[in-house]
């Protein structure tokens, strides 16, 4: 069982920035983030594999940057130019045959 601990969420004004972190108890080749807004399905945000290759949802390309520290089993999501529609609960995941999820962390973009 992989344990994931997320941090870094909160309230930010439109145009602002936040950095999410997710520390995993074990190493995983694939790590990333999904999000879920009220009334919506959970959607993919960004993913990264161990060699550093990344993938992003179209809605966040150019604004969000995913990175990882393999020595710390940690994945980060730098979110810039935040918009109200980025408001959601953000979930970290790792893929080890099955997906493991973090508990979720709230990001609210509002003036």
C-alpha atoms as a PDB file:
ATOM      1  CA  UNK A   1       0.000   0.000   0.000  1.00  0.00           C
ATOM      2  CA  UNK A   2       1.513   3.302  -1.111  1.00  0.00           C
ATOM      3  CA  UNK A   3       0.815   6.295   1.119  1.00  0.00           C
ATOM      4  CA  UNK A   4       0.592   9.749  -0.418  1.00  0.00           C
ATOM      5  CA  UNK A   5       0.666  13.031   1.493  1.00  0.00           C
ATOM      6  CA  UNK A   6      -0.282  16.236  -0.303  1.00  0.00           C
ATOM      7  CA  UNK A   7       0.410  19.806   0.736  1.00  0.00           C
ATOM      8  CA  UNK A   8       0.404  23.348  -0.611  1.00  0.00           C
ATOM      9  CA  UNK A   9      -3.223  24.074  -1.448  1.00  0.00           C
ATOM     10  CA  UNK A  10      -5.222  27.086  -0.384  1.00  0.00           C
ATOM     11  CA  UNK A  11      -6.933  30.258  -1.518  1.00  0.00           C
ATOM     12  CA  UNK A  12      -5.358  32.468  -4.168  1.00  0.00           C
ATOM     13  CA  UNK A  13      -6.529  35.368  -6.284  1.00  0.00           C
ATOM     14  CA  UNK A  14      -6.933  35.017 -10.056  1.00  0.00           C
ATOM     15  CA  UNK A  15      -3.555  35.358 -11.743  1.00  0.00           C
ATOM     16  CA  UNK A  16      -1.762  34.081  -8.676  1.00  0.00           C
ATOM     17  CA  UNK A  17       0.380  31.009  -8.120  1.00  0.00           C
ATOM     18  CA  UNK A  18       0.443  27.945  -5.900  1.00  0.00           C
ATOM     19  CA  UNK A  19       2.755  24.976  -5.617  1.00  0.00           C
ATOM     20  CA  UNK A  20       1.407  21.573  -4.663  1.00  0.00           C
ATOM     21  CA  UNK A  21       3.592  18.809  -3.297  1.00  0.00           C
ATOM     22  CA  UNK A  22       2.923  15.105  -2.901  1.00  0.00           C
ATOM     23  CA  UNK A  23       5.265  12.792  -1.027  1.00  0.00           C
ATOM     24  CA  UNK A  24       4.932   9.056  -1.649  1.00  0.00           C
ATOM     25  CA  UNK A  25       5.999   6.317   0.754  1.00  0.00           C
ATOM     26  CA  UNK A  26       7.513   4.315  -2.120  1.00  0.00           C
ATOM     27  CA  UNK A  27       9.009   5.095  -5.500  1.00  0.00           C
ATOM     28  CA  UNK A  28       6.824   4.879  -8.582  1.00  0.00           C
ATOM     29  CA  UNK A  29       7.563   5.232 -12.259  1.00  0.00           C
ATOM     30  CA  UNK A  30       4.483   7.324 -12.953  1.00  0.00           C
ATOM     31  CA  UNK A  31       3.214  10.148 -10.764  1.00  0.00           C
ATOM     32  CA  UNK A  32       0.849  12.996 -11.366  1.00  0.00           C
ATOM     33  CA  UNK A  33      -2.240  14.983 -10.554  1.00  0.00           C
ATOM     34  CA  UNK A  34      -5.955  14.897 -11.218  1.00  0.00           C
ATOM     35  CA  UNK A  35      -8.567  17.363 -10.048  1.00  0.00           C
ATOM     36  CA  UNK A  36     -12.272  17.370  -9.363  1.00  0.00           C
ATOM     37  CA  UNK A  37     -14.491  20.433  -9.263  1.00  0.00           C
ATOM     38  CA  UNK A  38     -17.941  20.335  -7.623  1.00  0.00           C
ATOM     39  CA  UNK A  39     -20.430  18.568  -9.867  1.00  0.00           C
ATOM     40  CA  UNK A  40     -17.723  17.434 -12.284  1.00  0.00           C
ATOM     41  CA  UNK A  41     -15.895  14.200 -12.893  1.00  0.00           C
ATOM     42  CA  UNK A  42     -12.299  13.818 -11.848  1.00  0.00           C
ATOM     43  CA  UNK A  43     -10.061  14.964 -14.685  1.00  0.00           C
ATOM     44  CA  UNK A  44      -6.407  14.496 -15.554  1.00  0.00           C
ATOM     45  CA  UNK A  45      -4.170  17.508 -14.991  1.00  0.00           C
ATOM     46  CA  UNK A  46      -0.565  16.422 -15.464  1.00  0.00           C
ATOM     47  CA  UNK A  47       1.666  13.373 -15.267  1.00  0.00           C
ATOM     48  CA  UNK A  48       5.389  12.649 -15.171  1.00  0.00           C
ATOM     49  CA  UNK A  49       7.408   9.487 -15.512  1.00  0.00           C
ATOM     50  CA  UNK A  50      10.738   8.672 -13.924  1.00  0.00           C
ATOM     51  CA  UNK A  51      12.825   9.894 -16.884  1.00  0.00           C
ATOM     52  CA  UNK A  52      11.169  13.311 -16.618  1.00  0.00           C
ATOM     53  CA  UNK A  53       8.811  13.032 -19.553  1.00  0.00           C
ATOM     54  CA  UNK A  54       5.637  15.011 -18.900  1.00  0.00           C
ATOM     55  CA  UNK A  55       2.059  15.196 -20.125  1.00  0.00           C
ATOM     56  CA  UNK A  56      -0.509  17.932 -19.531  1.00  0.00           C
ATOM     57  CA  UNK A  57      -4.195  18.546 -20.018  1.00  0.00           C
ATOM     58  CA  UNK A  58      -4.799  21.179 -22.686  1.00  0.00           C
ATOM     59  CA  UNK A  59      -6.510  23.407 -20.135  1.00  0.00           C
ATOM     60  CA  UNK A  60      -3.323  23.838 -18.094  1.00  0.00           C
ATOM     61  CA  UNK A  61      -0.578  23.773 -20.740  1.00  0.00           C
ATOM     62  CA  UNK A  62       1.676  26.787 -20.472  1.00  0.00           C
ATOM     63  CA  UNK A  63       0.452  27.600 -16.963  1.00  0.00           C
ATOM     64  CA  UNK A  64       1.192  24.501 -14.877  1.00  0.00           C
ATOM     65  CA  UNK A  65       4.510  22.691 -14.556  1.00  0.00           C
ATOM     66  CA  UNK A  66       4.909  19.214 -13.099  1.00  0.00           C
ATOM     67  CA  UNK A  67       8.226  18.025 -11.723  1.00  0.00           C
ATOM     68  CA  UNK A  68       9.544  15.319  -9.443  1.00  0.00           C
ATOM     69  CA  UNK A  69      12.359  14.588  -7.042  1.00  0.00           C
ATOM     70  CA  UNK A  70      13.067  10.874  -7.356  1.00  0.00           C
ATOM     71  CA  UNK A  71      15.321  10.858  -4.301  1.00  0.00           C
ATOM     72  CA  UNK A  72      12.390  12.089  -2.193  1.00  0.00           C
ATOM     73  CA  UNK A  73       9.618  10.188  -4.026  1.00  0.00           C
ATOM     74  CA  UNK A  74       7.905  13.544  -4.371  1.00  0.00           C
ATOM     75  CA  UNK A  75       5.978  15.132  -7.214  1.00  0.00           C
ATOM     76  CA  UNK A  76       5.254  18.835  -7.508  1.00  0.00           C
ATOM     77  CA  UNK A  77       2.748  20.907  -9.421  1.00  0.00           C
ATOM     78  CA  UNK A  78       3.629  24.549  -9.950  1.00  0.00           C
ATOM     79  CA  UNK A  79       0.465  26.399 -10.898  1.00  0.00           C
ATOM     80  CA  UNK A  80       0.777  29.891 -12.364  1.00  0.00           C
ATOM     81  CA  UNK A  81      -1.733  32.306 -13.882  1.00  0.00           C
ATOM     82  CA  UNK A  82      -4.486  30.594 -11.930  1.00  0.00           C
ATOM     83  CA  UNK A  83      -8.081  31.042 -13.055  1.00  0.00           C
ATOM     84  CA  UNK A  84     -11.344  30.614 -11.149  1.00  0.00           C
ATOM     85  CA  UNK A  85     -12.023  27.511 -13.249  1.00  0.00           C
ATOM     86  CA  UNK A  86      -8.927  25.901 -11.722  1.00  0.00           C
ATOM     87  CA  UNK A  87     -10.819  25.719  -8.436  1.00  0.00           C
ATOM     88  CA  UNK A  88     -11.043  22.062  -7.466  1.00  0.00           C
ATOM     89  CA  UNK A  89      -9.827  19.380  -5.137  1.00  0.00           C
ATOM     90  CA  UNK A  90      -6.479  18.229  -6.476  1.00  0.00           C
ATOM     91  CA  UNK A  91      -5.497  14.588  -6.096  1.00  0.00           C
ATOM     92  CA  UNK A  92      -2.014  13.217  -6.378  1.00  0.00           C
ATOM     93  CA  UNK A  93      -1.615   9.729  -7.842  1.00  0.00           C
ATOM     94  CA  UNK A  94       1.067   7.148  -8.422  1.00  0.00           C
ATOM     95  CA  UNK A  95       0.835   4.182 -10.740  1.00  0.00           C
ATOM     96  CA  UNK A  96       2.156   0.834  -9.521  1.00  0.00           C
ATOM     97  CA  UNK A  97       0.089  -1.765 -11.405  1.00  0.00           C
ATOM     98  CA  UNK A  98      -2.899   0.040  -9.897  1.00  0.00           C
ATOM     99  CA  UNK A  99      -3.418   3.694  -9.107  1.00  0.00           C
ATOM    100  CA  UNK A 100      -2.946   4.974  -5.590  1.00  0.00           C
ATOM    101  CA  UNK A 101      -4.503   8.294  -4.627  1.00  0.00           C
ATOM    102  CA  UNK A 102      -3.779  11.005  -2.128  1.00  0.00           C
ATOM    103  CA  UNK A 103      -6.492  12.350   0.153  1.00  0.00           C
ATOM    104  CA  UNK A 104      -7.023  15.438  -1.987  1.00  0.00           C
ATOM    105  CA  UNK A 105      -6.225  19.071  -1.341  1.00  0.00           C
ATOM    106  CA  UNK A 106      -8.416  22.090  -1.969  1.00  0.00           C
ATOM    107  CA  UNK A 107      -7.344  24.816  -4.370  1.00  0.00           C
ATOM    108  CA  UNK A 108      -9.628  27.837  -4.549  1.00  0.00           C
ATOM    109  CA  UNK A 109      -9.073  30.662  -7.029  1.00  0.00           C
ATOM    110  CA  UNK A 110     -11.225  33.632  -6.140  1.00  0.00           C
ATOM    111  CA  UNK A 111     -11.051  37.367  -5.621  1.00  0.00           C
END
